[in-house]
PDB file of N, CA and C in Angstrom:
ATOM      1  N   UNK A   1      20.492 -33.405 147.111  1.00  0.00           N
ATOM      2  CA  UNK A   1      20.655 -32.092 147.684  1.00  0.00           C
ATOM      3  C   UNK A   1      21.565 -32.209 148.902  1.00  0.00           C
ATOM      4  N   UNK A   2      22.460 -31.249 149.024  1.00  0.00           N
ATOM      5  CA  UNK A   2      23.435 -31.286 150.112  1.00  0.00           C
ATOM      6  C   UNK A   2      23.415 -29.971 150.882  1.00  0.00           C
ATOM      7  N   UNK A   3      23.483 -30.043 152.185  1.00  0.00           N
ATOM      8  CA  UNK A   3      23.561 -28.853 153.014  1.00  0.00           C
ATOM      9  C   UNK A   3      25.012 -28.398 153.056  1.00  0.00           C
ATOM     10  N   UNK A   4      25.226 -27.131 152.848  1.00  0.00           N
ATOM     11  CA  UNK A   4      26.580 -26.595 152.897  1.00  0.00           C
ATOM     12  C   UNK A   4      27.081 -26.594 154.338  1.00  0.00           C
ATOM     13  N   UNK A   5      28.387 -26.758 154.526  1.00  0.00           N
ATOM     14  CA  UNK A   5      28.919 -26.730 155.895  1.00  0.00           C
ATOM     15  C   UNK A   5      28.706 -25.353 156.520  1.00  0.00           C
ATOM     16  N   UNK A   6      28.491 -25.362 157.830  1.00  0.00           N
ATOM     17  CA  UNK A   6      28.286 -24.103 158.542  1.00  0.00           C
ATOM     18  C   UNK A   6      29.585 -23.309 158.493  1.00  0.00           C
ATOM     19  N   UNK A   7      29.482 -22.084 158.053  1.00  0.00           N
ATOM     20  CA  UNK A   7      30.652 -21.243 157.874  1.00  0.00           C
ATOM     21  C   UNK A   7      30.291 -19.822 158.274  1.00  0.00           C
ATOM     22  N   UNK A   8      31.213 -19.125 158.878  1.00  0.00           N
ATOM     23  CA  UNK A   8      30.941 -17.754 159.314  1.00  0.00           C
ATOM     24  C   UNK A   8      31.057 -16.795 158.126  1.00  0.00           C
ATOM     25  N   UNK A   9      30.059 -15.955 157.957  1.00  0.00           N
ATOM     26  CA  UNK A   9      30.082 -14.939 156.917  1.00  0.00           C
ATOM     27  C   UNK A   9      30.117 -13.583 157.592  1.00  0.00           C
ATOM     28  N   UNK A  10      30.837 -12.659 156.989  1.00  0.00           N
ATOM     29  CA  UNK A  10      31.146 -11.415 157.667  1.00  0.00           C
ATOM     30  C   UNK A  10      30.405 -10.205 157.112  1.00  0.00           C
ATOM     31  N   UNK A  11      30.632  -9.842 155.900  1.00  0.00           N
ATOM     32  CA  UNK A  11      30.132  -8.582 155.351  1.00  0.00           C
ATOM     33  C   UNK A  11      29.708  -8.796 153.910  1.00  0.00           C
ATOM     34  N   UNK A  12      29.506  -7.697 153.222  1.00  0.00           N
ATOM     35  CA  UNK A  12      29.233  -7.739 151.790  1.00  0.00           C
ATOM     36  C   UNK A  12      30.327  -8.567 151.122  1.00  0.00           C
ATOM     37  N   UNK A  13      29.977  -9.389 150.175  1.00  0.00           N
ATOM     38  CA  UNK A  13      30.896 -10.222 149.399  1.00  0.00           C
ATOM     39  C   UNK A  13      31.478 -11.387 150.188  1.00  0.00           C
ATOM     40  N   UNK A  14      31.026 -11.639 151.426  1.00  0.00           N
ATOM     41  CA  UNK A  14      31.644 -12.685 152.240  1.00  0.00           C
ATOM     42  C   UNK A  14      31.305 -14.093 151.764  1.00  0.00           C
ATOM     43  N   UNK A  15      30.326 -14.235 150.882  1.00  0.00           N
ATOM     44  CA  UNK A  15      29.995 -15.553 150.364  1.00  0.00           C
ATOM     45  C   UNK A  15      30.907 -15.936 149.204  1.00  0.00           C
ATOM     46  N   UNK A  16      31.745 -15.030 148.780  1.00  0.00           N
ATOM     47  CA  UNK A  16      32.702 -15.293 147.710  1.00  0.00           C
ATOM     48  C   UNK A  16      34.038 -15.712 148.298  1.00  0.00           C
ATOM     49  N   UNK A  17      34.877 -16.346 147.501  1.00  0.00           N
ATOM     50  CA  UNK A  17      36.249 -16.602 147.979  1.00  0.00           C
ATOM     51  C   UNK A  17      36.929 -15.260 148.271  1.00  0.00           C
ATOM     52  N   UNK A  18      38.025 -15.269 149.055  1.00  0.00           N
ATOM     53  CA  UNK A  18      38.716 -14.002 149.336  1.00  0.00           C
ATOM     54  C   UNK A  18      39.042 -13.256 148.039  1.00  0.00           C
ATOM     55  N   UNK A  19      38.856 -11.947 148.073  1.00  0.00           N
ATOM     56  CA  UNK A  19      39.105 -11.129 146.893  1.00  0.00           C
ATOM     57  C   UNK A  19      40.605 -11.014 146.617  1.00  0.00           C
ATOM     58  N   UNK A  20      40.954 -11.048 145.359  1.00  0.00           N
ATOM     59  CA  UNK A  20      42.338 -10.808 144.957  1.00  0.00           C
ATOM     60  C   UNK A  20      42.601  -9.305 145.009  1.00  0.00           C
ATOM     61  N   UNK A  21      43.853  -8.911 144.921  1.00  0.00           N
ATOM     62  CA  UNK A  21      44.181  -7.484 144.901  1.00  0.00           C
ATOM     63  C   UNK A  21      43.520  -6.788 143.715  1.00  0.00           C
ATOM     64  N   UNK A  22      43.466  -7.464 142.570  1.00  0.00           N
ATOM     65  CA  UNK A  22      42.832  -6.875 141.379  1.00  0.00           C
ATOM     66  C   UNK A  22      41.334  -6.668 141.609  1.00  0.00           C
ATOM     67  N   UNK A  23      40.684  -7.625 142.278  1.00  0.00           N
ATOM     68  CA  UNK A  23      39.252  -7.488 142.556  1.00  0.00           C
ATOM     69  C   UNK A  23      38.989  -6.391 143.579  1.00  0.00           C
ATOM     70  N   UNK A  24      39.855  -6.278 144.573  1.00  0.00           N
ATOM     71  CA  UNK A  24      39.721  -5.203 145.560  1.00  0.00           C
ATOM     72  C   UNK A  24      39.890  -3.860 144.867  1.00  0.00           C
ATOM     73  N   UNK A  25      40.844  -3.776 143.962  1.00  0.00           N
ATOM     74  CA  UNK A  25      41.070  -2.537 143.209  1.00  0.00           C
ATOM     75  C   UNK A  25      39.818  -2.152 142.437  1.00  0.00           C
ATOM     76  N   UNK A  26      39.158  -3.113 141.813  1.00  0.00           N
ATOM     77  CA  UNK A  26      37.922  -2.824 141.057  1.00  0.00           C
ATOM     78  C   UNK A  26      36.814  -2.335 141.985  1.00  0.00           C
ATOM     79  N   UNK A  27      36.707  -2.920 143.160  1.00  0.00           N
ATOM     80  CA  UNK A  27      35.684  -2.480 144.107  1.00  0.00           C
ATOM     81  C   UNK A  27      35.958  -1.047 144.578  1.00  0.00           C
ATOM     82  N   UNK A  28      37.224  -0.743 144.842  1.00  0.00           N
ATOM     83  CA  UNK A  28      37.587   0.615 145.263  1.00  0.00           C
ATOM     84  C   UNK A  28      37.333   1.598 144.126  1.00  0.00           C
ATOM     85  N   UNK A  29      37.622   1.198 142.896  1.00  0.00           N
ATOM     86  CA  UNK A  29      37.351   2.070 141.746  1.00  0.00           C
ATOM     87  C   UNK A  29      35.854   2.360 141.649  1.00  0.00           C
ATOM     88  N   UNK A  30      35.024   1.355 141.910  1.00  0.00           N
ATOM     89  CA  UNK A  30      33.571   1.544 141.914  1.00  0.00           C
ATOM     90  C   UNK A  30      33.175   2.586 142.968  1.00  0.00           C
ATOM     91  N   UNK A  31      33.768   2.466 144.164  1.00  0.00           N
ATOM     92  CA  UNK A  31      33.479   3.426 145.239  1.00  0.00           C
ATOM     93  C   UNK A  31      33.812   4.845 144.784  1.00  0.00           C
ATOM     94  N   UNK A  32      34.977   5.013 144.193  1.00  0.00           N
ATOM     95  CA  UNK A  32      35.402   6.338 143.740  1.00  0.00           C
ATOM     96  C   UNK A  32      34.551   6.834 142.581  1.00  0.00           C
ATOM     97  N   UNK A  33      34.208   5.943 141.645  1.00  0.00           N
ATOM     98  CA  UNK A  33      33.377   6.336 140.502  1.00  0.00           C
ATOM     99  C   UNK A  33      32.001   6.820 140.939  1.00  0.00           C
ATOM    100  N   UNK A  34      31.471   6.243 142.006  1.00  0.00           N
ATOM    101  CA  UNK A  34      30.155   6.645 142.517  1.00  0.00           C
ATOM    102  C   UNK A  34      30.208   7.934 143.333  1.00  0.00           C
ATOM    103  N   UNK A  35      31.421   8.404 143.615  1.00  0.00           N
ATOM    104  CA  UNK A  35      31.552   9.620 144.407  1.00  0.00           C
ATOM    105  C   UNK A  35      31.473   9.378 145.905  1.00  0.00           C
ATOM    106  N   UNK A  36      31.545   8.115 146.314  1.00  0.00           N
ATOM    107  CA  UNK A  36      31.531   7.794 147.728  1.00  0.00           C
ATOM    108  C   UNK A  36      32.903   8.090 148.332  1.00  0.00           C
ATOM    109  N   UNK A  37      32.930   8.237 149.640  1.00  0.00           N
ATOM    110  CA  UNK A  37      34.175   8.525 150.348  1.00  0.00           C
ATOM    111  C   UNK A  37      34.663   7.235 151.000  1.00  0.00           C
ATOM    112  N   UNK A  38      35.835   6.737 150.589  1.00  0.00           N
ATOM    113  CA  UNK A  38      36.347   5.492 151.177  1.00  0.00           C
ATOM    114  C   UNK A  38      37.019   5.743 152.527  1.00  0.00           C
ATOM    115  N   UNK A  39      36.994   4.712 153.345  1.00  0.00           N
ATOM    116  CA  UNK A  39      37.695   4.736 154.627  1.00  0.00           C
ATOM    117  C   UNK A  39      38.138   3.312 154.939  1.00  0.00           C
ATOM    118  N   UNK A  40      39.111   3.199 155.803  1.00  0.00           N
ATOM    119  CA  UNK A  40      39.628   1.895 156.231  1.00  0.00           C
ATOM    120  C   UNK A  40      39.337   1.764 157.720  1.00  0.00           C
ATOM    121  N   UNK A  41      38.797   0.619 158.112  1.00  0.00           N
ATOM    122  CA  UNK A  41      38.496   0.348 159.517  1.00  0.00           C
ATOM    123  C   UNK A  41      39.097  -0.992 159.910  1.00  0.00           C
ATOM    124  N   UNK A  42      39.330  -1.172 161.218  1.00  0.00           N
ATOM    125  CA  UNK A  42      39.860  -2.443 161.700  1.00  0.00           C
ATOM    126  C   UNK A  42      39.216  -2.799 163.036  1.00  0.00           C
ATOM    127  N   UNK A  43      39.244  -4.114 163.335  1.00  0.00           N
ATOM    128  CA  UNK A  43      38.669  -4.602 164.579  1.00  0.00           C
ATOM    129  C   UNK A  43      39.311  -5.936 164.930  1.00  0.00           C
ATOM    130  N   UNK A  44      39.460  -6.204 166.228  1.00  0.00           N
ATOM    131  CA  UNK A  44      40.028  -7.480 166.652  1.00  0.00           C
ATOM    132  C   UNK A  44      39.044  -8.627 166.460  1.00  0.00           C
ATOM    133  N   UNK A  45      37.774  -8.314 166.429  1.00  0.00           N
ATOM    134  CA  UNK A  45      36.747  -9.330 166.268  1.00  0.00           C
ATOM    135  C   UNK A  45      35.808  -8.939 165.139  1.00  0.00           C
ATOM    136  N   UNK A  46      35.112  -9.910 164.611  1.00  0.00           N
ATOM    137  CA  UNK A  46      34.128  -9.602 163.575  1.00  0.00           C
ATOM    138  C   UNK A  46      32.745 -10.024 164.047  1.00  0.00           C
ATOM    139  N   UNK A  47      32.540  -9.980 165.354  1.00  0.00           N
ATOM    140  CA  UNK A  47      31.265 -10.357 165.936  1.00  0.00           C
ATOM    141  C   UNK A  47      30.143  -9.536 165.295  1.00  0.00           C
ATOM    142  N   UNK A  48      29.117 -10.226 164.748  1.00  0.00           N
ATOM    143  CA  UNK A  48      28.025  -9.484 164.091  1.00  0.00           C
ATOM    144  C   UNK A  48      27.327  -8.477 165.003  1.00  0.00           C
ATOM    145  N   UNK A  49      27.379  -8.698 166.315  1.00  0.00           N
ATOM    146  CA  UNK A  49      26.746  -7.759 167.243  1.00  0.00           C
ATOM    147  C   UNK A  49      27.560  -6.479 167.409  1.00  0.00           C
ATOM    148  N   UNK A  50      28.817  -6.521 166.999  1.00  0.00           N
ATOM    149  CA  UNK A  50      29.676  -5.344 167.118  1.00  0.00           C
ATOM    150  C   UNK A  50      29.522  -4.497 165.854  1.00  0.00           C
ATOM    151  N   UNK A  51      28.887  -3.367 165.995  1.00  0.00           N
ATOM    152  CA  UNK A  51      28.632  -2.514 164.837  1.00  0.00           C
ATOM    153  C   UNK A  51      29.692  -1.441 164.637  1.00  0.00           C
ATOM    154  N   UNK A  52      30.517  -1.217 165.633  1.00  0.00           N
ATOM    155  CA  UNK A  52      31.479  -0.133 165.553  1.00  0.00           C
ATOM    156  C   UNK A  52      32.900  -0.680 165.462  1.00  0.00           C
ATOM    157  N   UNK A  53      33.591  -0.297 164.411  1.00  0.00           N
ATOM    158  CA  UNK A  53      34.986  -0.668 164.205  1.00  0.00           C
ATOM    159  C   UNK A  53      35.814   0.596 164.417  1.00  0.00           C
ATOM    160  N   UNK A  54      37.109   0.422 164.593  1.00  0.00           N
ATOM    161  CA  UNK A  54      38.012   1.561 164.766  1.00  0.00           C
ATOM    162  C   UNK A  54      38.419   2.091 163.400  1.00  0.00           C
ATOM    163  N   UNK A  55      38.302   3.380 163.224  1.00  0.00           N
ATOM    164  CA  UNK A  55      38.656   4.020 161.964  1.00  0.00           C
ATOM    165  C   UNK A  55      40.168   4.185 161.885  1.00  0.00           C
ATOM    166  N   UNK A  56      40.742   3.749 160.770  1.00  0.00           N
ATOM    167  CA  UNK A  56      42.177   3.925 160.519  1.00  0.00           C
ATOM    168  C   UNK A  56      42.356   5.318 159.943  1.00  0.00           C
ATOM    169  N   UNK A  57      42.990   6.183 160.665  1.00  0.00           N
ATOM    170  CA  UNK A  57      43.180   7.580 160.251  1.00  0.00           C
ATOM    171  C   UNK A  57      41.816   8.216 159.982  1.00  0.00           C
ATOM    172  N   UNK A  58      41.764   9.198 159.106  1.00  0.00           N
ATOM    173  CA  UNK A  58      40.510   9.838 158.731  1.00  0.00           C
ATOM    174  C   UNK A  58      39.987   9.218 157.438  1.00  0.00           C
ATOM    175  N   UNK A  59      38.696   9.404 157.131  1.00  0.00           N
ATOM    176  CA  UNK A  59      38.223   8.958 155.818  1.00  0.00           C
ATOM    177  C   UNK A  59      39.073   9.600 154.722  1.00  0.00           C
ATOM    178  N   UNK A  60      39.183   8.931 153.602  1.00  0.00           N
ATOM    179  CA  UNK A  60      40.066   9.374 152.522  1.00  0.00           C
ATOM    180  C   UNK A  60      39.314  10.326 151.583  1.00  0.00           C
ATOM    181  N   UNK A  61      39.011  11.508 152.101  1.00  0.00           N
ATOM    182  CA  UNK A  61      38.230  12.505 151.358  1.00  0.00           C
ATOM    183  C   UNK A  61      38.860  12.874 150.026  1.00  0.00           C
ATOM    184  N   UNK A  62      40.175  12.915 149.986  1.00  0.00           N
ATOM    185  CA  UNK A  62      40.835  13.378 148.766  1.00  0.00           C
ATOM    186  C   UNK A  62      41.336  12.249 147.873  1.00  0.00           C
ATOM    187  N   UNK A  63      40.993  11.011 148.187  1.00  0.00           N
ATOM    188  CA  UNK A  63      41.467   9.882 147.364  1.00  0.00           C
ATOM    189  C   UNK A  63      40.883   9.972 145.957  1.00  0.00           C
ATOM    190  N   UNK A  64      41.741   9.839 144.967  1.00  0.00           N
ATOM    191  CA  UNK A  64      41.308   9.898 143.565  1.00  0.00           C
ATOM    192  C   UNK A  64      41.591   8.591 142.825  1.00  0.00           C
ATOM    193  N   UNK A  65      42.482   7.768 143.402  1.00  0.00           N
ATOM    194  CA  UNK A  65      42.823   6.503 142.744  1.00  0.00           C
ATOM    195  C   UNK A  65      42.704   5.358 143.750  1.00  0.00           C
ATOM    196  N   UNK A  66      42.421   4.158 143.254  1.00  0.00           N
ATOM    197  CA  UNK A  66      42.363   3.001 144.154  1.00  0.00           C
ATOM    198  C   UNK A  66      43.678   2.778 144.889  1.00  0.00           C
ATOM    199  N   UNK A  67      44.796   3.097 144.261  1.00  0.00           N
ATOM    200  CA  UNK A  67      46.094   2.854 144.889  1.00  0.00           C
ATOM    201  C   UNK A  67      46.254   3.652 146.177  1.00  0.00           C
ATOM    202  N   UNK A  68      45.708   4.853 146.231  1.00  0.00           N
ATOM    203  CA  UNK A  68      45.779   5.647 147.458  1.00  0.00           C
ATOM    204  C   UNK A  68      45.078   4.921 148.611  1.00  0.00           C
ATOM    205  N   UNK A  69      43.937   4.327 148.319  1.00  0.00           N
ATOM    206  CA  UNK A  69      43.181   3.592 149.332  1.00  0.00           C
ATOM    207  C   UNK A  69      43.930   2.315 149.709  1.00  0.00           C
ATOM    208  N   UNK A  70      44.436   1.594 148.713  1.00  0.00           N
ATOM    209  CA  UNK A  70      45.146   0.349 148.969  1.00  0.00           C
ATOM    210  C   UNK A  70      46.439   0.579 149.757  1.00  0.00           C
ATOM    211  N   UNK A  71      47.076   1.709 149.574  1.00  0.00           N
ATOM    212  CA  UNK A  71      48.260   2.043 150.373  1.00  0.00           C
ATOM    213  C   UNK A  71      47.893   2.149 151.854  1.00  0.00           C
ATOM    214  N   UNK A  72      46.737   2.751 152.144  1.00  0.00           N
ATOM    215  CA  UNK A  72      46.282   2.861 153.534  1.00  0.00           C
ATOM    216  C   UNK A  72      45.927   1.489 154.094  1.00  0.00           C
ATOM    217  N   UNK A  73      45.315   0.635 153.276  1.00  0.00           N
ATOM    218  CA  UNK A  73      45.010  -0.728 153.709  1.00  0.00           C
ATOM    219  C   UNK A  73      46.303  -1.450 154.070  1.00  0.00           C
ATOM    220  N   UNK A  74      47.323  -1.296 153.241  1.00  0.00           N
ATOM    221  CA  UNK A  74      48.599  -1.965 153.491  1.00  0.00           C
ATOM    222  C   UNK A  74      49.255  -1.455 154.774  1.00  0.00           C
ATOM    223  N   UNK A  75      49.200  -0.163 155.019  1.00  0.00           N
ATOM    224  CA  UNK A  75      49.750   0.394 156.265  1.00  0.00           C
ATOM    225  C   UNK A  75      49.015  -0.166 157.477  1.00  0.00           C
ATOM    226  N   UNK A  76      47.682  -0.191 157.385  1.00  0.00           N
ATOM    227  CA  UNK A  76      46.863  -0.722 158.474  1.00  0.00           C
ATOM    228  C   UNK A  76      47.174  -2.201 158.686  1.00  0.00           C
ATOM    229  N   UNK A  77      47.298  -2.935 157.599  1.00  0.00           N
ATOM    230  CA  UNK A  77      47.584  -4.373 157.665  1.00  0.00           C
ATOM    231  C   UNK A  77      48.942  -4.632 158.340  1.00  0.00           C
ATOM    232  N   UNK A  78      49.933  -3.807 158.039  1.00  0.00           N
ATOM    233  CA  UNK A  78      51.252  -4.023 158.634  1.00  0.00           C
ATOM    234  C   UNK A  78      51.256  -3.699 160.133  1.00  0.00           C
ATOM    235  N   UNK A  79      50.422  -2.770 160.566  1.00  0.00           N
ATOM    236  CA  UNK A  79      50.384  -2.413 161.986  1.00  0.00           C
ATOM    237  C   UNK A  79      49.417  -3.283 162.786  1.00  0.00           C
ATOM    238  N   UNK A  80      48.337  -3.737 162.164  1.00  0.00           N
ATOM    239  CA  UNK A  80      47.311  -4.524 162.855  1.00  0.00           C
ATOM    240  C   UNK A  80      47.086  -5.852 162.138  1.00  0.00           C
ATOM    241  N   UNK A  81      48.130  -6.638 162.019  1.00  0.00           N
ATOM    242  CA  UNK A  81      48.090  -7.909 161.285  1.00  0.00           C
ATOM    243  C   UNK A  81      47.083  -8.891 161.882  1.00  0.00           C
ATOM    244  N   UNK A  82      46.832  -8.819 163.184  1.00  0.00           N
ATOM    245  CA  UNK A  82      45.928  -9.761 163.851  1.00  0.00           C
ATOM    246  C   UNK A  82      44.498  -9.242 163.954  1.00  0.00           C
ATOM    247  N   UNK A  83      44.156  -8.278 163.128  1.00  0.00           N
ATOM    248  CA  UNK A  83      42.809  -7.707 163.132  1.00  0.00           C
ATOM    249  C   UNK A  83      42.129  -7.929 161.783  1.00  0.00           C
ATOM    250  N   UNK A  84      40.811  -7.840 161.817  1.00  0.00           N
ATOM    251  CA  UNK A  84      40.045  -7.795 160.582  1.00  0.00           C
ATOM    252  C   UNK A  84      40.152  -6.363 160.052  1.00  0.00           C
ATOM    253  N   UNK A  85      40.288  -6.225 158.745  1.00  0.00           N
ATOM    254  CA  UNK A  85      40.374  -4.892 158.130  1.00  0.00           C
ATOM    255  C   UNK A  85      39.342  -4.834 157.016  1.00  0.00           C
ATOM    256  N   UNK A  86      38.618  -3.738 156.963  1.00  0.00           N
ATOM    257  CA  UNK A  86      37.616  -3.588 155.913  1.00  0.00           C
ATOM    258  C   UNK A  86      37.688  -2.199 155.297  1.00  0.00           C
ATOM    259  N   UNK A  87      37.194  -2.129 154.085  1.00  0.00           N
ATOM    260  CA  UNK A  87      37.021  -0.851 153.395  1.00  0.00           C
ATOM    261  C   UNK A  87      35.543  -0.519 153.459  1.00  0.00           C
ATOM    262  N   UNK A  88      35.231   0.692 153.826  1.00  0.00           N
ATOM    263  CA  UNK A  88      33.848   1.154 153.845  1.00  0.00           C
ATOM    264  C   UNK A  88      33.710   2.346 152.910  1.00  0.00           C
ATOM    265  N   UNK A  89      32.492   2.566 152.460  1.00  0.00           N
ATOM    266  CA  UNK A  89      32.206   3.706 151.585  1.00  0.00           C
ATOM    267  C   UNK A  89      31.060   4.499 152.203  1.00  0.00           C
ATOM    268  N   UNK A  90      31.262   5.805 152.289  1.00  0.00           N
ATOM    269  CA  UNK A  90      30.250   6.698 152.830  1.00  0.00           C
ATOM    270  C   UNK A  90      29.656   7.532 151.704  1.00  0.00           C
ATOM    271  N   UNK A  91      28.354   7.688 151.741  1.00  0.00           N
ATOM    272  CA  UNK A  91      27.652   8.548 150.797  1.00  0.00           C
ATOM    273  C   UNK A  91      27.417   9.874 151.507  1.00  0.00           C
ATOM    274  N   UNK A  92      28.070  10.935 151.035  1.00  0.00           N
ATOM    275  CA  UNK A  92      27.946  12.226 151.725  1.00  0.00           C
ATOM    276  C   UNK A  92      26.612  12.916 151.458  1.00  0.00           C
ATOM    277  N   UNK A  93      25.835  12.416 150.498  1.00  0.00           N
ATOM    278  CA  UNK A  93      24.498  12.972 150.251  1.00  0.00           C
ATOM    279  C   UNK A  93      23.486  12.320 151.197  1.00  0.00           C
ATOM    280  N   UNK A  94      23.501  10.994 151.254  1.00  0.00           N
ATOM    281  CA  UNK A  94      22.590  10.260 152.135  1.00  0.00           C
ATOM    282  C   UNK A  94      23.049  10.289 153.590  1.00  0.00           C
ATOM    283  N   UNK A  95      24.313  10.674 153.809  1.00  0.00           N
ATOM    284  CA  UNK A  95      24.889  10.760 155.151  1.00  0.00           C
ATOM    285  C   UNK A  95      24.908   9.402 155.855  1.00  0.00           C
ATOM    286  N   UNK A  96      25.347   8.372 155.108  1.00  0.00           N
ATOM    287  CA  UNK A  96      25.419   7.050 155.711  1.00  0.00           C
ATOM    288  C   UNK A  96      26.449   6.178 154.997  1.00  0.00           C
ATOM    289  N   UNK A  97      26.768   5.068 155.644  1.00  0.00           N
ATOM    290  CA  UNK A  97      27.647   4.074 155.031  1.00  0.00           C
ATOM    291  C   UNK A  97      26.814   3.271 154.039  1.00  0.00           C
ATOM    292  N   UNK A  98      27.320   3.106 152.830  1.00  0.00           N
ATOM    293  CA  UNK A  98      26.555   2.394 151.808  1.00  0.00           C
ATOM    294  C   UNK A  98      27.190   1.072 151.384  1.00  0.00           C
ATOM    295  N   UNK A  99      28.427   0.832 151.803  1.00  0.00           N
ATOM    296  CA  UNK A  99      29.130  -0.356 151.347  1.00  0.00           C
ATOM    297  C   UNK A  99      30.268  -0.659 152.306  1.00  0.00           C
ATOM    298  N   UNK A 100      30.515  -1.937 152.551  1.00  0.00           N
ATOM    299  CA  UNK A 100      31.702  -2.339 153.314  1.00  0.00           C
ATOM    300  C   UNK A 100      32.054  -3.766 152.932  1.00  0.00           C
ATOM    301  N   UNK A 101      33.335  -4.055 152.926  1.00  0.00           N
ATOM    302  CA  UNK A 101      33.778  -5.416 152.666  1.00  0.00           C
ATOM    303  C   UNK A 101      35.146  -5.633 153.294  1.00  0.00           C
ATOM    304  N   UNK A 102      35.371  -6.842 153.745  1.00  0.00           N
ATOM    305  CA  UNK A 102      36.612  -7.204 154.428  1.00  0.00           C
ATOM    306  C   UNK A 102      37.706  -7.433 153.402  1.00  0.00           C
ATOM    307  N   UNK A 103      38.872  -6.853 153.669  1.00  0.00           N
ATOM    308  CA  UNK A 103      40.031  -7.025 152.772  1.00  0.00           C
ATOM    309  C   UNK A 103      41.180  -7.770 153.449  1.00  0.00           C
ATOM    310  N   UNK A 104      41.049  -8.009 154.769  1.00  0.00           N
ATOM    311  CA  UNK A 104      42.093  -8.758 155.485  1.00  0.00           C
ATOM    312  C   UNK A 104      41.478  -9.455 156.686  1.00  0.00           C
ATOM    313  N   UNK A 105      41.811 -10.747 156.839  1.00  0.00           N
ATOM    314  CA  UNK A 105      41.412 -11.507 158.020  1.00  0.00           C
ATOM    315  C   UNK A 105      42.688 -11.986 158.708  1.00  0.00           C
ATOM    316  N   UNK A 106      42.643 -12.091 160.044  1.00  0.00           N
ATOM    317  CA  UNK A 106      43.832 -12.601 160.751  1.00  0.00           C
ATOM    318  C   UNK A 106      44.175 -14.013 160.287  1.00  0.00           C
ATOM    319  N   UNK A 107      45.415 -14.382 160.431  1.00  0.00           N
ATOM    320  CA  UNK A 107      45.862 -15.717 160.034  1.00  0.00           C
ATOM    321  C   UNK A 107      45.047 -16.774 160.761  1.00  0.00           C
ATOM    322  N   UNK A 108      44.667 -17.807 160.036  1.00  0.00           N
ATOM    323  CA  UNK A 108      43.921 -18.916 160.608  1.00  0.00           C
ATOM    324  C   UNK A 108      42.421 -18.739 160.628  1.00  0.00           C
ATOM    325  N   UNK A 109      41.911 -17.578 160.218  1.00  0.00           N
ATOM    326  CA  UNK A 109      40.469 -17.333 160.187  1.00  0.00           C
ATOM    327  C   UNK A 109      39.978 -17.570 158.774  1.00  0.00           C
ATOM    328  N   UNK A 110      38.887 -18.297 158.654  1.00  0.00           N
ATOM    329  CA  UNK A 110      38.294 -18.552 157.332  1.00  0.00           C
ATOM    330  C   UNK A 110      37.203 -17.578 157.053  1.00  0.00           C
TER     331      UNK A 110
END
């Protein structure tokens, strides 16, 4: 039996290798299929004690395709390359965030 090396884990899906664009697209499609409202957030740090990230623009209320969401991720990534970027999903019935996962980490961060 071997102990795994200590590694920082961030959000949902953080125990997996970084998601490919195709895998991110599938996750966004799941968000849209469930009727959740996607949004893009960013932060300079991923400290677990920090619960509030900065919202990139407004939530994507009218998004109908994963590409619309991924376009916003790409815009955010180009402007805030040194930040963590995540996609979150809001449930407008439960009035809460139901899902979030990191789609970009700054260079040199594992």
